[in-house]
Each structure stands twice: as C-alpha cells, then as structure tokens.
Amino acid sequence: MNKRHLVDSLSLSRIIFGILFACSVFYLNGNLIIIFVIYFFAVLSDVLDGKLARRYKIMIIKTKGQR
C-alpha cells in the first residue's frame, strides 16, 4: 500500500468514526462504553494520521485562496 493511501485511509476512517460516534450518542442512550470506544478509535486514527503524515512529509495541496 502506498504511504499516501495509508494516510488518506486514516483520514477517511475518522469521518466514518465521526458518523458512528454521532449515531451512537443519539441512539445508544447511556451506553457510554461503546461511545467511548468509538471516540478512542477516532482519536487514535487522528494521532496516527498526523504522525505518519509528518514522518513521510505528506502535505495537503493548498488551493489559491488558502494560506
């Protein structure tokens, strides 16, 4: 697997974890363990994404209006 694809896959997984987290907050009333586990994996994917992107010097391409 390409290094860039790995970093992008982690970013995509964070979107999926965000959707799962939102659904679990609304539909799993009181089941804090499942909500915490989903949140933990979302944070873990964010940390790994950042570390891998810095290690492999993968940057987001900035468009004209961005700094």
C-alpha atoms as a PDB file:
ATOM      1  CA  MET A   1       0.000   0.000   0.000  1.00  0.00           C
ATOM      2  CA  ASN A   2       1.258   3.449  -0.901  1.00  0.00           C
ATOM      3  CA  LYS A   3       2.156   5.678   2.072  1.00  0.00           C
ATOM      4  CA  ARG A   4      -0.148   8.406   0.826  1.00  0.00           C
ATOM      5  CA  HIS A   5      -3.036   5.937   0.591  1.00  0.00           C
ATOM      6  CA  LEU A   6      -2.434   4.831   4.173  1.00  0.00           C
ATOM      7  CA  VAL A   7      -2.640   8.409   5.446  1.00  0.00           C
ATOM      8  CA  ASP A   8      -5.730   9.098   3.336  1.00  0.00           C
ATOM      9  CA  SER A   9      -7.371   5.895   4.588  1.00  0.00           C
ATOM     10  CA  LEU A  10      -6.835   7.004   8.180  1.00  0.00           C
ATOM     11  CA  SER A  11      -8.443  10.341   7.376  1.00  0.00           C
ATOM     12  CA  LEU A  12     -11.399   8.588   5.772  1.00  0.00           C
ATOM     13  CA  SER A  13     -11.766   6.279   8.745  1.00  0.00           C
ATOM     14  CA  ARG A  14     -12.021   9.330  11.007  1.00  0.00           C
ATOM     15  CA  ILE A  15     -15.032  10.525   9.011  1.00  0.00           C
ATOM     16  CA  ILE A  16     -16.639   7.113   9.431  1.00  0.00           C
ATOM     17  CA  PHE A  17     -15.859   7.109  13.156  1.00  0.00           C
ATOM     18  CA  GLY A  18     -17.419  10.573  13.417  1.00  0.00           C
ATOM     19  CA  ILE A  19     -20.647   9.346  11.856  1.00  0.00           C
ATOM     20  CA  LEU A  20     -20.657   6.280  14.108  1.00  0.00           C
ATOM     21  CA  PHE A  21     -19.981   8.479  17.128  1.00  0.00           C
ATOM     22  CA  ALA A  22     -22.865  10.815  16.313  1.00  0.00           C
ATOM     23  CA  CYS A  23     -25.247   7.917  15.742  1.00  0.00           C
ATOM     24  CA  SER A  24     -24.168   6.207  18.939  1.00  0.00           C
ATOM     25  CA  VAL A  25     -24.707   9.358  21.000  1.00  0.00           C
ATOM     26  CA  PHE A  26     -28.249   9.718  19.693  1.00  0.00           C
ATOM     27  CA  TYR A  27     -29.308   6.059  19.577  1.00  0.00           C
ATOM     28  CA  LEU A  28     -27.316   4.336  22.327  1.00  0.00           C
ATOM     29  CA  ASN A  29     -28.566   6.312  25.278  1.00  0.00           C
ATOM     30  CA  GLY A  30     -26.467   5.591  28.322  1.00  0.00           C
ATOM     31  CA  ASN A  31     -24.115   3.043  26.763  1.00  0.00           C
ATOM     32  CA  LEU A  32     -21.005   5.086  27.449  1.00  0.00           C
ATOM     33  CA  ILE A  33     -18.537   2.250  26.935  1.00  0.00           C
ATOM     34  CA  ILE A  34     -19.394   1.854  23.245  1.00  0.00           C
ATOM     35  CA  ILE A  35     -19.416   5.634  22.766  1.00  0.00           C
ATOM     36  CA  PHE A  36     -16.002   5.915  24.455  1.00  0.00           C
ATOM     37  CA  VAL A  37     -14.530   3.095  22.323  1.00  0.00           C
ATOM     38  CA  ILE A  38     -15.677   4.773  19.094  1.00  0.00           C
ATOM     39  CA  TYR A  39     -14.283   8.109  20.303  1.00  0.00           C
ATOM     40  CA  PHE A  40     -10.983   6.449  21.283  1.00  0.00           C
ATOM     41  CA  PHE A  41     -10.537   4.936  17.818  1.00  0.00           C
ATOM     42  CA  ALA A  42     -11.329   8.289  16.189  1.00  0.00           C
ATOM     43  CA  VAL A  43      -8.660   9.997  18.300  1.00  0.00           C
ATOM     44  CA  LEU A  44      -6.191   7.178  17.659  1.00  0.00           C
ATOM     45  CA  SER A  45      -6.681   7.466  13.889  1.00  0.00           C
ATOM     46  CA  ASP A  46      -6.122  11.230  14.140  1.00  0.00           C
ATOM     47  CA  VAL A  47      -2.859  10.774  16.047  1.00  0.00           C
ATOM     48  CA  LEU A  48      -1.588   8.085  13.662  1.00  0.00           C
ATOM     49  CA  ASP A  49      -2.585  10.169  10.647  1.00  0.00           C
ATOM     50  CA  GLY A  50      -0.607  13.137  11.921  1.00  0.00           C
ATOM     51  CA  LYS A  51       2.479  11.122  12.852  1.00  0.00           C
ATOM     52  CA  LEU A  52       2.579   9.281   9.527  1.00  0.00           C
ATOM     53  CA  ALA A  53       1.998  12.448   7.519  1.00  0.00           C
ATOM     54  CA  ARG A  54       4.880  14.175   9.304  1.00  0.00           C
ATOM     55  CA  ARG A  55       7.159  11.139   9.022  1.00  0.00           C
ATOM     56  CA  TYR A  56       6.589  10.731   5.290  1.00  0.00           C
ATOM     57  CA  LYS A  57       6.307  14.504   4.673  1.00  0.00           C
ATOM     58  CA  ILE A  58       2.838  14.231   3.145  1.00  0.00           C
ATOM     59  CA  MET A  59       1.167  17.616   2.863  1.00  0.00           C
ATOM     60  CA  ILE A  60      -2.222  18.808   1.704  1.00  0.00           C
ATOM     61  CA  ILE A  61      -2.126  20.669  -1.595  1.00  0.00           C
ATOM     62  CA  LYS A  62      -3.290  24.192  -0.903  1.00  0.00           C
ATOM     63  CA  THR A  63      -5.547  25.986  -3.337  1.00  0.00           C
ATOM     64  CA  LYS A  64      -5.329  29.599  -4.420  1.00  0.00           C
ATOM     65  CA  GLY A  65      -7.395  31.170  -1.607  1.00  0.00           C
ATOM     66  CA  GLN A  66      -5.696  29.388   1.295  1.00  0.00           C
ATOM     67  CA  ARG A  67      -2.664  30.407   3.289  1.00  0.00           C
END
